[in-house]
Amino acid sequence: MKRMVIAAAVILAAALAYAGYAAYEKRELRARIGEAVATASDQLGETLALDVNAPPAGLAGRLDASVAQAEAALQQLRAPGARKDAALADAAEGYVASALEVLRRQAGATRHRALFIDDRKALAAHMAGAGSRSQSWPAEAIRLKKQLEEDYFGYQLAVTSLGNMLAGLVDARRKLMEKMPSAKLLAETEIVLARERSLAAAAAAKLELEQARRLAAPA
């Protein structure tokens, strides 16, 4: 009888220890997932409110660094240990992956915007010298206009894609909120406003292109 009591006590202690360890593992897993989500939120939060039509100097480099941080956070969520809570890991991965794609589109839009601005200035300067045309002047005007059109297309593609990714981020945020209400997430209103700014930027750039086209139109 005494041996049976001891055995039962040992089994109970083992069960309690296992339950305690399982609870500890769950807390640790949620903490790691929360950390990865917070990293992505912090990186995107630094640039989400910026106007892609008027990016500050050095923004592209900052965005590249943010992309690297978000990529590292995404890899944490894809590690085998995170799959122990597959539903939560999937929701977190969707959010972090969406944030990463938004950062990439911001970086692309920033670079294409800078090119488009330089193209407009170069074309305007060239057209201003129409009174002293050289033999090569018409060919250079055609080249500058073509370059403007190409860089405009790249910018519009990046900005339109940015708006789409921001819409996807709203959905991903909602799914993660259901699984982890305590996670550090970007406010939905901030994401929606950023998408509205991207749509406005696309419209503004279209007007700028039309003005440049009129400037370069044959007299």
N, C-alpha and C. Protein backbone atom coordinates (compact mmCIF):
# COMPACT_ATOMS: atom_id res chain seq x y z
N MET A 1 0.83 -1.21 0.00
CA MET A 1 0.00 0.00 0.00
C MET A 1 0.87 1.27 0.00
N LYS A 2 1.92 1.21 0.84
CA LYS A 2 2.79 2.37 0.94
C LYS A 2 3.47 2.67 -0.40
N ARG A 3 3.86 1.54 -1.08
CA ARG A 3 4.49 1.71 -2.39
C ARG A 3 3.53 2.31 -3.40
N MET A 4 2.27 1.92 -3.31
CA MET A 4 1.26 2.44 -4.22
C MET A 4 1.04 3.94 -4.01
N VAL A 5 1.04 4.33 -2.73
CA VAL A 5 0.87 5.74 -2.41
C VAL A 5 2.04 6.56 -2.93
N ILE A 6 3.25 6.00 -2.75
CA ILE A 6 4.44 6.70 -3.22
C ILE A 6 4.42 6.83 -4.75
N ALA A 7 4.03 5.74 -5.41
CA ALA A 7 3.97 5.74 -6.88
C ALA A 7 2.96 6.76 -7.37
N ALA A 8 1.82 6.81 -6.71
CA ALA A 8 0.77 7.76 -7.10
C ALA A 8 1.26 9.19 -6.91
N ALA A 9 1.98 9.41 -5.82
CA ALA A 9 2.51 10.75 -5.55
C ALA A 9 3.53 11.16 -6.61
N VAL A 10 4.36 10.19 -7.01
CA VAL A 10 5.37 10.46 -8.04
C VAL A 10 4.69 10.80 -9.37
N ILE A 11 3.66 10.02 -9.70
CA ILE A 11 2.93 10.27 -10.96
C ILE A 11 2.26 11.63 -10.93
N LEU A 12 1.65 11.97 -9.79
CA LEU A 12 0.99 13.27 -9.66
C LEU A 12 1.99 14.40 -9.78
N ALA A 13 3.14 14.24 -9.13
CA ALA A 13 4.17 15.28 -9.19
C ALA A 13 4.67 15.46 -10.62
N ALA A 14 4.83 14.34 -11.32
CA ALA A 14 5.29 14.41 -12.72
C ALA A 14 4.25 15.10 -13.60
N ALA A 15 2.98 14.78 -13.35
CA ALA A 15 1.91 15.39 -14.14
C ALA A 15 1.85 16.89 -13.90
N LEU A 16 2.00 17.28 -12.63
CA LEU A 16 1.99 18.70 -12.31
C LEU A 16 3.19 19.42 -12.92
N ALA A 17 4.33 18.76 -12.87
CA ALA A 17 5.54 19.34 -13.44
C ALA A 17 5.38 19.51 -14.95
N TYR A 18 4.80 18.48 -15.59
CA TYR A 18 4.59 18.56 -17.04
C TYR A 18 3.62 19.69 -17.39
N ALA A 19 2.53 19.76 -16.60
CA ALA A 19 1.54 20.82 -16.85
C ALA A 19 2.16 22.19 -16.65
N GLY A 20 2.99 22.30 -15.63
CA GLY A 20 3.65 23.58 -15.37
C GLY A 20 4.61 23.95 -16.48
N TYR A 21 5.34 22.94 -16.98
CA TYR A 21 6.28 23.21 -18.07
C TYR A 21 5.54 23.57 -19.35
N ALA A 22 4.42 22.88 -19.60
CA ALA A 22 3.63 23.17 -20.80
C ALA A 22 3.10 24.60 -20.75
N ALA A 23 2.66 25.02 -19.57
CA ALA A 23 2.16 26.39 -19.42
C ALA A 23 3.28 27.39 -19.62
N TYR A 24 4.46 27.05 -19.12
CA TYR A 24 5.63 27.91 -19.28
C TYR A 24 6.00 28.04 -20.76
N GLU A 25 6.00 26.89 -21.45
CA GLU A 25 6.31 26.90 -22.88
C GLU A 25 5.32 27.76 -23.66
N LYS A 26 4.06 27.66 -23.28
CA LYS A 26 3.02 28.44 -23.98
C LYS A 26 3.24 29.93 -23.76
N ARG A 27 3.57 30.32 -22.52
CA ARG A 27 3.83 31.73 -22.23
C ARG A 27 5.04 32.22 -23.01
N GLU A 28 6.09 31.38 -23.06
CA GLU A 28 7.30 31.76 -23.77
C GLU A 28 7.04 31.91 -25.26
N LEU A 29 6.25 31.01 -25.80
CA LEU A 29 5.92 31.05 -27.22
C LEU A 29 5.14 32.32 -27.56
N ARG A 30 4.15 32.62 -26.74
CA ARG A 30 3.36 33.82 -26.99
C ARG A 30 4.22 35.08 -26.85
N ALA A 31 5.17 35.03 -25.93
CA ALA A 31 6.06 36.18 -25.76
C ALA A 31 6.93 36.37 -26.99
N ARG A 32 7.45 35.27 -27.56
CA ARG A 32 8.29 35.37 -28.76
C ARG A 32 7.48 35.86 -29.95
N ILE A 33 6.27 35.35 -30.07
CA ILE A 33 5.41 35.80 -31.16
C ILE A 33 5.07 37.27 -30.99
N GLY A 34 4.76 37.66 -29.76
CA GLY A 34 4.44 39.06 -29.48
C GLY A 34 5.62 39.97 -29.79
N GLU A 35 6.82 39.50 -29.52
CA GLU A 35 8.02 40.29 -29.80
C GLU A 35 8.20 40.49 -31.31
N ALA A 36 7.99 39.42 -32.08
CA ALA A 36 8.11 39.53 -33.54
C ALA A 36 7.08 40.49 -34.11
N VAL A 37 5.86 40.42 -33.60
CA VAL A 37 4.79 41.31 -34.06
C VAL A 37 5.12 42.76 -33.70
N ALA A 38 5.61 42.97 -32.49
CA ALA A 38 5.95 44.33 -32.04
C ALA A 38 7.08 44.92 -32.89
N THR A 39 8.05 44.08 -33.27
CA THR A 39 9.14 44.55 -34.12
C THR A 39 8.62 45.06 -35.45
N ALA A 40 7.74 44.29 -36.08
CA ALA A 40 7.16 44.70 -37.35
C ALA A 40 6.33 45.98 -37.20
N SER A 41 5.55 46.04 -36.12
CA SER A 41 4.72 47.23 -35.88
C SER A 41 5.59 48.47 -35.68
N ASP A 42 6.67 48.31 -34.93
CA ASP A 42 7.56 49.45 -34.66
C ASP A 42 8.22 49.94 -35.94
N GLN A 43 8.71 49.00 -36.75
CA GLN A 43 9.40 49.39 -37.98
C GLN A 43 8.47 50.13 -38.93
N LEU A 44 7.27 49.61 -39.11
CA LEU A 44 6.33 50.25 -40.02
C LEU A 44 5.75 51.53 -39.41
N GLY A 45 5.57 51.54 -38.10
CA GLY A 45 5.01 52.70 -37.44
C GLY A 45 5.84 53.95 -37.62
N GLU A 46 7.15 53.78 -37.84
CA GLU A 46 8.04 54.93 -37.99
C GLU A 46 7.84 55.65 -39.33
N THR A 47 7.30 54.95 -40.31
CA THR A 47 7.19 55.54 -41.66
C THR A 47 5.76 55.56 -42.20
N LEU A 48 4.83 54.97 -41.49
CA LEU A 48 3.47 54.84 -42.02
C LEU A 48 2.81 56.18 -42.28
N ALA A 49 3.10 57.18 -41.46
CA ALA A 49 2.42 58.47 -41.58
C ALA A 49 3.08 59.40 -42.60
N LEU A 50 4.17 58.98 -43.20
CA LEU A 50 4.87 59.84 -44.15
C LEU A 50 4.13 59.91 -45.48
N ASP A 51 4.25 61.05 -46.13
CA ASP A 51 3.65 61.25 -47.45
C ASP A 51 4.61 60.73 -48.50
N VAL A 52 4.22 59.68 -49.24
CA VAL A 52 5.12 59.10 -50.23
C VAL A 52 5.37 60.04 -51.40
N ASN A 53 4.54 61.07 -51.55
CA ASN A 53 4.77 62.05 -52.61
C ASN A 53 5.79 63.10 -52.21
N ALA A 54 6.10 63.18 -50.92
CA ALA A 54 7.10 64.14 -50.43
C ALA A 54 7.97 63.48 -49.37
N PRO A 55 8.69 62.41 -49.76
CA PRO A 55 9.50 61.67 -48.77
C PRO A 55 10.70 62.49 -48.30
N PRO A 56 11.03 62.43 -47.02
CA PRO A 56 12.21 63.15 -46.52
C PRO A 56 13.50 62.52 -47.02
N ALA A 57 14.56 63.27 -47.00
CA ALA A 57 15.86 62.77 -47.44
C ALA A 57 16.29 61.58 -46.58
N GLY A 58 16.86 60.59 -47.22
CA GLY A 58 17.36 59.43 -46.50
C GLY A 58 16.31 58.39 -46.16
N LEU A 59 15.07 58.60 -46.60
CA LEU A 59 14.00 57.67 -46.23
C LEU A 59 14.23 56.28 -46.83
N ALA A 60 14.70 56.21 -48.06
CA ALA A 60 14.89 54.91 -48.69
C ALA A 60 15.83 54.03 -47.88
N GLY A 61 16.93 54.61 -47.39
CA GLY A 61 17.86 53.84 -46.56
C GLY A 61 17.22 53.38 -45.26
N ARG A 62 16.45 54.25 -44.64
CA ARG A 62 15.76 53.87 -43.41
C ARG A 62 14.79 52.73 -43.67
N LEU A 63 14.11 52.79 -44.78
CA LEU A 63 13.15 51.74 -45.11
C LEU A 63 13.85 50.41 -45.37
N ASP A 64 15.01 50.46 -46.00
CA ASP A 64 15.78 49.23 -46.22
C ASP A 64 16.13 48.57 -44.89
N ALA A 65 16.53 49.38 -43.91
CA ALA A 65 16.86 48.84 -42.58
C ALA A 65 15.61 48.27 -41.92
N SER A 66 14.47 48.93 -42.09
CA SER A 66 13.21 48.44 -41.51
C SER A 66 12.79 47.14 -42.16
N VAL A 67 13.00 47.04 -43.46
CA VAL A 67 12.68 45.79 -44.17
C VAL A 67 13.49 44.63 -43.59
N ALA A 68 14.77 44.87 -43.35
CA ALA A 68 15.63 43.83 -42.78
C ALA A 68 15.14 43.38 -41.40
N GLN A 69 14.72 44.34 -40.58
CA GLN A 69 14.20 44.01 -39.24
C GLN A 69 12.91 43.21 -39.34
N ALA A 70 12.02 43.61 -40.25
CA ALA A 70 10.75 42.90 -40.40
C ALA A 70 10.98 41.50 -40.97
N GLU A 71 11.94 41.35 -41.86
CA GLU A 71 12.26 40.03 -42.39
C GLU A 71 12.75 39.09 -41.29
N ALA A 72 13.58 39.63 -40.41
CA ALA A 72 14.07 38.82 -39.28
C ALA A 72 12.92 38.39 -38.38
N ALA A 73 11.98 39.30 -38.14
CA ALA A 73 10.81 38.97 -37.32
C ALA A 73 9.97 37.89 -37.98
N LEU A 74 9.85 37.96 -39.30
CA LEU A 74 9.07 36.95 -40.02
C LEU A 74 9.72 35.58 -39.91
N GLN A 75 11.04 35.54 -39.99
CA GLN A 75 11.74 34.26 -39.87
C GLN A 75 11.55 33.65 -38.48
N GLN A 76 11.43 34.47 -37.47
CA GLN A 76 11.15 33.96 -36.12
C GLN A 76 9.83 33.21 -36.09
N LEU A 77 8.86 33.75 -36.79
CA LEU A 77 7.53 33.13 -36.80
C LEU A 77 7.49 31.86 -37.64
N ARG A 78 8.46 31.71 -38.53
CA ARG A 78 8.50 30.52 -39.37
C ARG A 78 9.40 29.43 -38.81
N ALA A 79 10.02 29.70 -37.66
CA ALA A 79 10.86 28.71 -37.01
C ALA A 79 10.00 27.57 -36.48
N PRO A 80 10.53 26.35 -36.42
CA PRO A 80 9.74 25.20 -35.97
C PRO A 80 9.06 25.39 -34.62
N GLY A 81 9.73 26.05 -33.69
CA GLY A 81 9.15 26.22 -32.36
C GLY A 81 7.86 27.00 -32.36
N ALA A 82 7.72 27.93 -33.28
CA ALA A 82 6.51 28.77 -33.32
C ALA A 82 5.30 27.99 -33.80
N ARG A 83 5.53 26.85 -34.46
CA ARG A 83 4.42 26.08 -35.02
C ARG A 83 3.70 25.27 -33.95
N LYS A 84 4.16 25.34 -32.71
CA LYS A 84 3.47 24.62 -31.64
C LYS A 84 2.09 25.21 -31.36
N ASP A 85 1.90 26.45 -31.76
CA ASP A 85 0.57 27.08 -31.73
C ASP A 85 0.33 27.59 -33.14
N ALA A 86 -0.04 26.67 -34.02
CA ALA A 86 -0.11 26.96 -35.44
C ALA A 86 -1.09 28.09 -35.77
N ALA A 87 -2.24 28.10 -35.10
CA ALA A 87 -3.25 29.11 -35.40
C ALA A 87 -2.74 30.51 -35.09
N LEU A 88 -2.11 30.66 -33.93
CA LEU A 88 -1.56 31.96 -33.55
C LEU A 88 -0.39 32.33 -34.45
N ALA A 89 0.49 31.36 -34.71
CA ALA A 89 1.65 31.63 -35.55
C ALA A 89 1.23 32.05 -36.96
N ASP A 90 0.20 31.41 -37.48
CA ASP A 90 -0.27 31.76 -38.83
C ASP A 90 -0.83 33.18 -38.87
N ALA A 91 -1.61 33.54 -37.85
CA ALA A 91 -2.19 34.88 -37.79
C ALA A 91 -1.09 35.93 -37.65
N ALA A 92 -0.10 35.63 -36.81
CA ALA A 92 1.01 36.58 -36.62
C ALA A 92 1.85 36.68 -37.89
N GLU A 93 2.06 35.55 -38.55
CA GLU A 93 2.85 35.56 -39.78
C GLU A 93 2.15 36.39 -40.86
N GLY A 94 0.84 36.27 -40.94
CA GLY A 94 0.10 37.06 -41.92
C GLY A 94 0.25 38.55 -41.68
N TYR A 95 0.23 38.95 -40.42
CA TYR A 95 0.36 40.37 -40.07
C TYR A 95 1.77 40.87 -40.37
N VAL A 96 2.78 40.13 -39.92
CA VAL A 96 4.16 40.56 -40.11
C VAL A 96 4.53 40.55 -41.59
N ALA A 97 4.07 39.54 -42.32
CA ALA A 97 4.35 39.49 -43.76
C ALA A 97 3.70 40.67 -44.48
N SER A 98 2.51 41.03 -44.07
CA SER A 98 1.83 42.19 -44.68
C SER A 98 2.59 43.48 -44.37
N ALA A 99 3.03 43.64 -43.13
CA ALA A 99 3.81 44.82 -42.76
C ALA A 99 5.10 44.89 -43.56
N LEU A 100 5.73 43.72 -43.75
CA LEU A 100 6.97 43.67 -44.52
C LEU A 100 6.74 44.12 -45.96
N GLU A 101 5.66 43.65 -46.57
CA GLU A 101 5.38 44.03 -47.95
C GLU A 101 5.05 45.52 -48.07
N VAL A 102 4.39 46.06 -47.07
CA VAL A 102 4.12 47.51 -47.08
C VAL A 102 5.44 48.28 -47.04
N LEU A 103 6.36 47.86 -46.20
CA LEU A 103 7.66 48.52 -46.11
C LEU A 103 8.40 48.44 -47.44
N ARG A 104 8.34 47.29 -48.08
CA ARG A 104 9.00 47.13 -49.38
C ARG A 104 8.39 48.07 -50.43
N ARG A 105 7.06 48.16 -50.42
CA ARG A 105 6.40 49.05 -51.38
C ARG A 105 6.72 50.51 -51.09
N GLN A 106 6.81 50.85 -49.81
CA GLN A 106 7.20 52.22 -49.45
C GLN A 106 8.59 52.54 -49.97
N ALA A 107 9.51 51.60 -49.82
CA ALA A 107 10.88 51.81 -50.30
C ALA A 107 10.89 51.98 -51.81
N GLY A 108 10.14 51.13 -52.51
CA GLY A 108 10.08 51.23 -53.96
C GLY A 108 9.46 52.54 -54.42
N ALA A 109 8.37 52.93 -53.76
CA ALA A 109 7.71 54.18 -54.12
C ALA A 109 8.62 55.38 -53.87
N THR A 110 9.37 55.34 -52.78
CA THR A 110 10.28 56.44 -52.46
C THR A 110 11.35 56.61 -53.54
N ARG A 111 11.91 55.50 -53.99
CA ARG A 111 12.96 55.57 -55.02
C ARG A 111 12.39 56.03 -56.36
N HIS A 112 11.26 55.48 -56.74
CA HIS A 112 10.65 55.88 -58.02
C HIS A 112 10.18 57.33 -57.98
N ARG A 113 9.73 57.78 -56.83
CA ARG A 113 9.31 59.18 -56.70
C ARG A 113 10.49 60.12 -56.93
N ALA A 114 11.64 59.78 -56.35
CA ALA A 114 12.83 60.61 -56.52
C ALA A 114 13.23 60.68 -57.99
N LEU A 115 13.16 59.55 -58.68
CA LEU A 115 13.49 59.52 -60.10
C LEU A 115 12.51 60.37 -60.91
N PHE A 116 11.22 60.24 -60.57
CA PHE A 116 10.19 60.98 -61.30
C PHE A 116 10.38 62.50 -61.12
N ILE A 117 10.70 62.92 -59.90
CA ILE A 117 10.94 64.34 -59.64
C ILE A 117 12.13 64.85 -60.45
N ASP A 118 13.22 64.07 -60.45
CA ASP A 118 14.41 64.47 -61.22
C ASP A 118 14.08 64.54 -62.71
N ASP A 119 13.28 63.60 -63.19
CA ASP A 119 12.91 63.60 -64.62
C ASP A 119 12.11 64.85 -64.98
N ARG A 120 11.17 65.22 -64.12
CA ARG A 120 10.35 66.41 -64.41
C ARG A 120 11.21 67.67 -64.46
N LYS A 121 12.14 67.76 -63.53
CA LYS A 121 13.03 68.93 -63.50
C LYS A 121 13.90 68.98 -64.75
N ALA A 122 14.44 67.82 -65.12
CA ALA A 122 15.31 67.77 -66.29
C ALA A 122 14.54 68.12 -67.57
N LEU A 123 13.32 67.61 -67.68
CA LEU A 123 12.51 67.91 -68.87
C LEU A 123 12.13 69.38 -68.91
N ALA A 124 11.74 69.93 -67.75
CA ALA A 124 11.37 71.35 -67.70
C ALA A 124 12.56 72.23 -68.07
N ALA A 125 13.75 71.90 -67.57
CA ALA A 125 14.94 72.68 -67.88
C ALA A 125 15.25 72.61 -69.37
N HIS A 126 15.08 71.42 -69.91
CA HIS A 126 15.37 71.25 -71.34
C HIS A 126 14.39 72.05 -72.20
N MET A 127 13.11 71.97 -71.83
CA MET A 127 12.10 72.69 -72.62
C MET A 127 12.27 74.20 -72.49
N ALA A 128 12.82 74.64 -71.35
CA ALA A 128 13.04 76.08 -71.15
C ALA A 128 14.09 76.62 -72.12
N GLY A 129 14.91 75.73 -72.64
CA GLY A 129 15.94 76.15 -73.58
C GLY A 129 15.53 75.98 -75.03
N ALA A 130 14.24 75.95 -75.26
CA ALA A 130 13.75 75.73 -76.63
C ALA A 130 14.18 76.85 -77.58
N GLY A 131 14.40 78.04 -77.05
CA GLY A 131 14.76 79.16 -77.91
C GLY A 131 16.13 79.04 -78.52
N SER A 132 16.98 78.24 -77.91
CA SER A 132 18.34 78.07 -78.44
C SER A 132 18.58 76.61 -78.80
N ARG A 133 17.70 76.08 -79.60
CA ARG A 133 17.75 74.66 -79.95
C ARG A 133 19.01 74.32 -80.77
N SER A 134 19.61 73.20 -80.41
CA SER A 134 20.70 72.65 -81.20
C SER A 134 20.12 71.54 -82.07
N GLN A 135 20.96 70.94 -82.87
CA GLN A 135 20.48 69.87 -83.75
C GLN A 135 20.00 68.67 -82.95
N SER A 136 20.62 68.44 -81.81
CA SER A 136 20.25 67.28 -80.98
C SER A 136 19.13 67.58 -80.00
N TRP A 137 18.67 68.81 -79.96
CA TRP A 137 17.66 69.20 -78.96
C TRP A 137 16.38 68.37 -79.06
N PRO A 138 15.79 68.15 -80.23
CA PRO A 138 14.55 67.37 -80.31
C PRO A 138 14.73 65.93 -79.82
N ALA A 139 15.85 65.31 -80.19
CA ALA A 139 16.08 63.93 -79.77
C ALA A 139 16.22 63.84 -78.25
N GLU A 140 16.88 64.83 -77.65
CA GLU A 140 17.04 64.84 -76.20
C GLU A 140 15.70 65.06 -75.52
N ALA A 141 14.84 65.89 -76.08
CA ALA A 141 13.50 66.10 -75.52
C ALA A 141 12.70 64.81 -75.53
N ILE A 142 12.81 64.05 -76.63
CA ILE A 142 12.11 62.76 -76.73
C ILE A 142 12.64 61.78 -75.69
N ARG A 143 13.97 61.76 -75.53
CA ARG A 143 14.57 60.85 -74.55
C ARG A 143 14.13 61.18 -73.12
N LEU A 144 14.14 62.46 -72.79
CA LEU A 144 13.75 62.88 -71.44
C LEU A 144 12.27 62.57 -71.17
N LYS A 145 11.44 62.77 -72.18
CA LYS A 145 10.02 62.48 -72.00
C LYS A 145 9.79 60.98 -71.82
N LYS A 146 10.52 60.17 -72.58
CA LYS A 146 10.41 58.72 -72.44
C LYS A 146 10.84 58.27 -71.04
N GLN A 147 11.94 58.84 -70.56
CA GLN A 147 12.42 58.49 -69.21
C GLN A 147 11.40 58.89 -68.15
N LEU A 148 10.79 60.05 -68.34
CA LEU A 148 9.76 60.51 -67.40
C LEU A 148 8.59 59.52 -67.37
N GLU A 149 8.16 59.08 -68.53
CA GLU A 149 7.04 58.15 -68.61
C GLU A 149 7.38 56.82 -67.94
N GLU A 150 8.59 56.34 -68.13
CA GLU A 150 9.00 55.07 -67.54
C GLU A 150 9.05 55.15 -66.02
N ASP A 151 9.63 56.22 -65.50
CA ASP A 151 9.74 56.34 -64.05
C ASP A 151 8.39 56.64 -63.41
N TYR A 152 7.54 57.33 -64.14
CA TYR A 152 6.17 57.54 -63.65
C TYR A 152 5.46 56.20 -63.53
N PHE A 153 5.59 55.36 -64.54
CA PHE A 153 4.95 54.04 -64.50
C PHE A 153 5.43 53.24 -63.29
N GLY A 154 6.75 53.28 -63.05
CA GLY A 154 7.29 52.56 -61.89
C GLY A 154 6.74 53.11 -60.58
N TYR A 155 6.61 54.42 -60.50
CA TYR A 155 6.08 55.03 -59.28
C TYR A 155 4.61 54.68 -59.08
N GLN A 156 3.83 54.80 -60.14
CA GLN A 156 2.40 54.47 -60.03
C GLN A 156 2.20 53.02 -59.65
N LEU A 157 3.00 52.14 -60.21
CA LEU A 157 2.90 50.71 -59.88
C LEU A 157 3.19 50.48 -58.40
N ALA A 158 4.25 51.15 -57.90
CA ALA A 158 4.63 50.98 -56.49
C ALA A 158 3.57 51.56 -55.56
N VAL A 159 3.04 52.74 -55.88
CA VAL A 159 2.05 53.38 -55.01
C VAL A 159 0.73 52.61 -55.02
N THR A 160 0.32 52.14 -56.19
CA THR A 160 -0.91 51.35 -56.27
C THR A 160 -0.78 50.06 -55.49
N SER A 161 0.36 49.41 -55.64
CA SER A 161 0.63 48.18 -54.90
C SER A 161 0.67 48.46 -53.39
N LEU A 162 1.23 49.62 -53.02
CA LEU A 162 1.26 50.01 -51.60
C LEU A 162 -0.15 50.10 -51.05
N GLY A 163 -1.06 50.73 -51.79
CA GLY A 163 -2.44 50.83 -51.33
C GLY A 163 -3.08 49.46 -51.15
N ASN A 164 -2.80 48.54 -52.08
CA ASN A 164 -3.35 47.19 -51.97
C ASN A 164 -2.80 46.47 -50.75
N MET A 165 -1.50 46.62 -50.50
CA MET A 165 -0.88 45.96 -49.35
C MET A 165 -1.41 46.52 -48.04
N LEU A 166 -1.68 47.80 -48.01
CA LEU A 166 -2.24 48.40 -46.79
C LEU A 166 -3.64 47.86 -46.51
N ALA A 167 -4.42 47.65 -47.56
CA ALA A 167 -5.74 47.05 -47.38
C ALA A 167 -5.60 45.64 -46.82
N GLY A 168 -4.61 44.90 -47.33
CA GLY A 168 -4.37 43.55 -46.81
C GLY A 168 -3.90 43.57 -45.37
N LEU A 169 -3.16 44.60 -44.99
CA LEU A 169 -2.68 44.71 -43.61
C LEU A 169 -3.83 44.90 -42.65
N VAL A 170 -4.85 45.62 -43.06
CA VAL A 170 -6.04 45.80 -42.21
C VAL A 170 -6.67 44.44 -41.91
N ASP A 171 -6.82 43.61 -42.93
CA ASP A 171 -7.41 42.28 -42.74
C ASP A 171 -6.54 41.41 -41.84
N ALA A 172 -5.23 41.45 -42.09
CA ALA A 172 -4.31 40.65 -41.28
C ALA A 172 -4.32 41.09 -39.82
N ARG A 173 -4.44 42.38 -39.60
CA ARG A 173 -4.49 42.92 -38.24
C ARG A 173 -5.72 42.40 -37.51
N ARG A 174 -6.85 42.40 -38.18
CA ARG A 174 -8.09 41.92 -37.56
C ARG A 174 -7.99 40.45 -37.17
N LYS A 175 -7.40 39.64 -38.03
CA LYS A 175 -7.26 38.21 -37.74
C LYS A 175 -6.34 37.98 -36.54
N LEU A 176 -5.25 38.73 -36.48
CA LEU A 176 -4.35 38.56 -35.34
C LEU A 176 -4.97 39.08 -34.06
N MET A 177 -5.73 40.14 -34.14
CA MET A 177 -6.38 40.69 -32.96
C MET A 177 -7.30 39.66 -32.31
N GLU A 178 -7.93 38.83 -33.13
CA GLU A 178 -8.81 37.78 -32.59
C GLU A 178 -8.02 36.75 -31.80
N LYS A 179 -6.80 36.46 -32.26
CA LYS A 179 -5.99 35.44 -31.62
C LYS A 179 -5.14 35.98 -30.47
N MET A 180 -4.76 37.26 -30.58
CA MET A 180 -3.84 37.83 -29.59
C MET A 180 -4.18 39.30 -29.36
N PRO A 181 -5.22 39.56 -28.60
CA PRO A 181 -5.65 40.95 -28.37
C PRO A 181 -4.59 41.82 -27.71
N SER A 182 -3.67 41.20 -26.99
CA SER A 182 -2.65 41.97 -26.27
C SER A 182 -1.46 42.35 -27.15
N ALA A 183 -1.43 41.88 -28.39
CA ALA A 183 -0.30 42.15 -29.27
C ALA A 183 -0.17 43.65 -29.57
N LYS A 184 1.06 44.08 -29.79
CA LYS A 184 1.31 45.48 -30.15
C LYS A 184 1.07 45.64 -31.64
N LEU A 185 -0.09 46.16 -32.00
CA LEU A 185 -0.49 46.29 -33.39
C LEU A 185 -0.64 47.75 -33.77
N LEU A 186 -0.44 48.03 -35.04
CA LEU A 186 -0.70 49.37 -35.54
C LEU A 186 -2.19 49.65 -35.46
N ALA A 187 -2.56 50.87 -35.16
CA ALA A 187 -3.98 51.23 -35.12
C ALA A 187 -4.57 51.13 -36.52
N GLU A 188 -5.77 50.57 -36.59
CA GLU A 188 -6.41 50.40 -37.90
C GLU A 188 -6.63 51.75 -38.58
N THR A 189 -6.96 52.76 -37.79
CA THR A 189 -7.18 54.09 -38.38
C THR A 189 -5.92 54.61 -39.05
N GLU A 190 -4.75 54.33 -38.48
CA GLU A 190 -3.48 54.78 -39.07
C GLU A 190 -3.25 54.09 -40.42
N ILE A 191 -3.59 52.81 -40.48
CA ILE A 191 -3.40 52.06 -41.72
C ILE A 191 -4.35 52.59 -42.80
N VAL A 192 -5.59 52.83 -42.43
CA VAL A 192 -6.59 53.32 -43.38
C VAL A 192 -6.17 54.69 -43.91
N LEU A 193 -5.70 55.56 -43.02
CA LEU A 193 -5.25 56.89 -43.45
C LEU A 193 -4.04 56.80 -44.38
N ALA A 194 -3.15 55.87 -44.10
CA ALA A 194 -1.98 55.68 -44.96
C ALA A 194 -2.41 55.23 -46.35
N ARG A 195 -3.41 54.38 -46.40
CA ARG A 195 -3.92 53.93 -47.71
C ARG A 195 -4.55 55.10 -48.46
N GLU A 196 -5.28 55.94 -47.75
CA GLU A 196 -5.87 57.11 -48.40
C GLU A 196 -4.79 58.04 -48.95
N ARG A 197 -3.68 58.17 -48.20
CA ARG A 197 -2.58 59.00 -48.68
C ARG A 197 -1.93 58.40 -49.93
N SER A 198 -1.85 57.08 -49.97
CA SER A 198 -1.24 56.45 -51.15
C SER A 198 -2.12 56.66 -52.38
N LEU A 199 -3.43 56.60 -52.21
CA LEU A 199 -4.33 56.84 -53.33
C LEU A 199 -4.24 58.30 -53.79
N ALA A 200 -4.15 59.21 -52.81
CA ALA A 200 -4.01 60.63 -53.15
C ALA A 200 -2.68 60.89 -53.85
N ALA A 201 -1.63 60.20 -53.43
CA ALA A 201 -0.32 60.36 -54.06
C ALA A 201 -0.36 59.91 -55.51
N ALA A 202 -1.04 58.82 -55.77
CA ALA A 202 -1.16 58.32 -57.15
C ALA A 202 -1.89 59.33 -58.02
N ALA A 203 -2.95 59.92 -57.49
CA ALA A 203 -3.72 60.91 -58.25
C ALA A 203 -2.89 62.16 -58.50
N ALA A 204 -2.14 62.60 -57.50
CA ALA A 204 -1.32 63.81 -57.63
C ALA A 204 -0.21 63.60 -58.66
N ALA A 205 0.40 62.43 -58.65
CA ALA A 205 1.47 62.16 -59.60
C ALA A 205 0.93 62.11 -61.03
N LYS A 206 -0.28 61.63 -61.18
CA LYS A 206 -0.90 61.59 -62.52
C LYS A 206 -1.07 63.01 -63.06
N LEU A 207 -1.48 63.94 -62.19
CA LEU A 207 -1.63 65.33 -62.61
C LEU A 207 -0.27 65.94 -62.98
N GLU A 208 0.74 65.60 -62.21
CA GLU A 208 2.09 66.11 -62.50
C GLU A 208 2.57 65.61 -63.85
N LEU A 209 2.27 64.35 -64.16
CA LEU A 209 2.67 63.80 -65.45
C LEU A 209 1.94 64.52 -66.59
N GLU A 210 0.65 64.75 -66.41
CA GLU A 210 -0.13 65.44 -67.44
C GLU A 210 0.41 66.85 -67.69
N GLN A 211 0.82 67.53 -66.62
CA GLN A 211 1.41 68.87 -66.77
C GLN A 211 2.72 68.80 -67.54
N ALA A 212 3.52 67.78 -67.22
CA ALA A 212 4.81 67.62 -67.91
C ALA A 212 4.59 67.28 -69.38
N ARG A 213 3.57 66.49 -69.66
CA ARG A 213 3.26 66.16 -71.05
C ARG A 213 2.89 67.40 -71.84
N ARG A 214 2.11 68.28 -71.23
CA ARG A 214 1.71 69.51 -71.91
C ARG A 214 2.92 70.40 -72.16
N LEU A 215 3.82 70.40 -71.19
CA LEU A 215 5.04 71.19 -71.33
C LEU A 215 5.87 70.71 -72.51
N ALA A 216 5.89 69.38 -72.70
CA ALA A 216 6.71 68.80 -73.75
C ALA A 216 5.96 68.61 -75.06
N ALA A 217 4.71 69.05 -75.12
CA ALA A 217 3.93 68.89 -76.33
C ALA A 217 4.51 69.76 -77.45
N PRO A 218 4.46 69.28 -78.70
CA PRO A 218 4.97 70.08 -79.82
C PRO A 218 4.28 71.43 -79.92
N ALA A 219 5.00 72.47 -80.23
CA ALA A 219 4.43 73.83 -80.33
C ALA A 219 3.55 73.93 -81.56
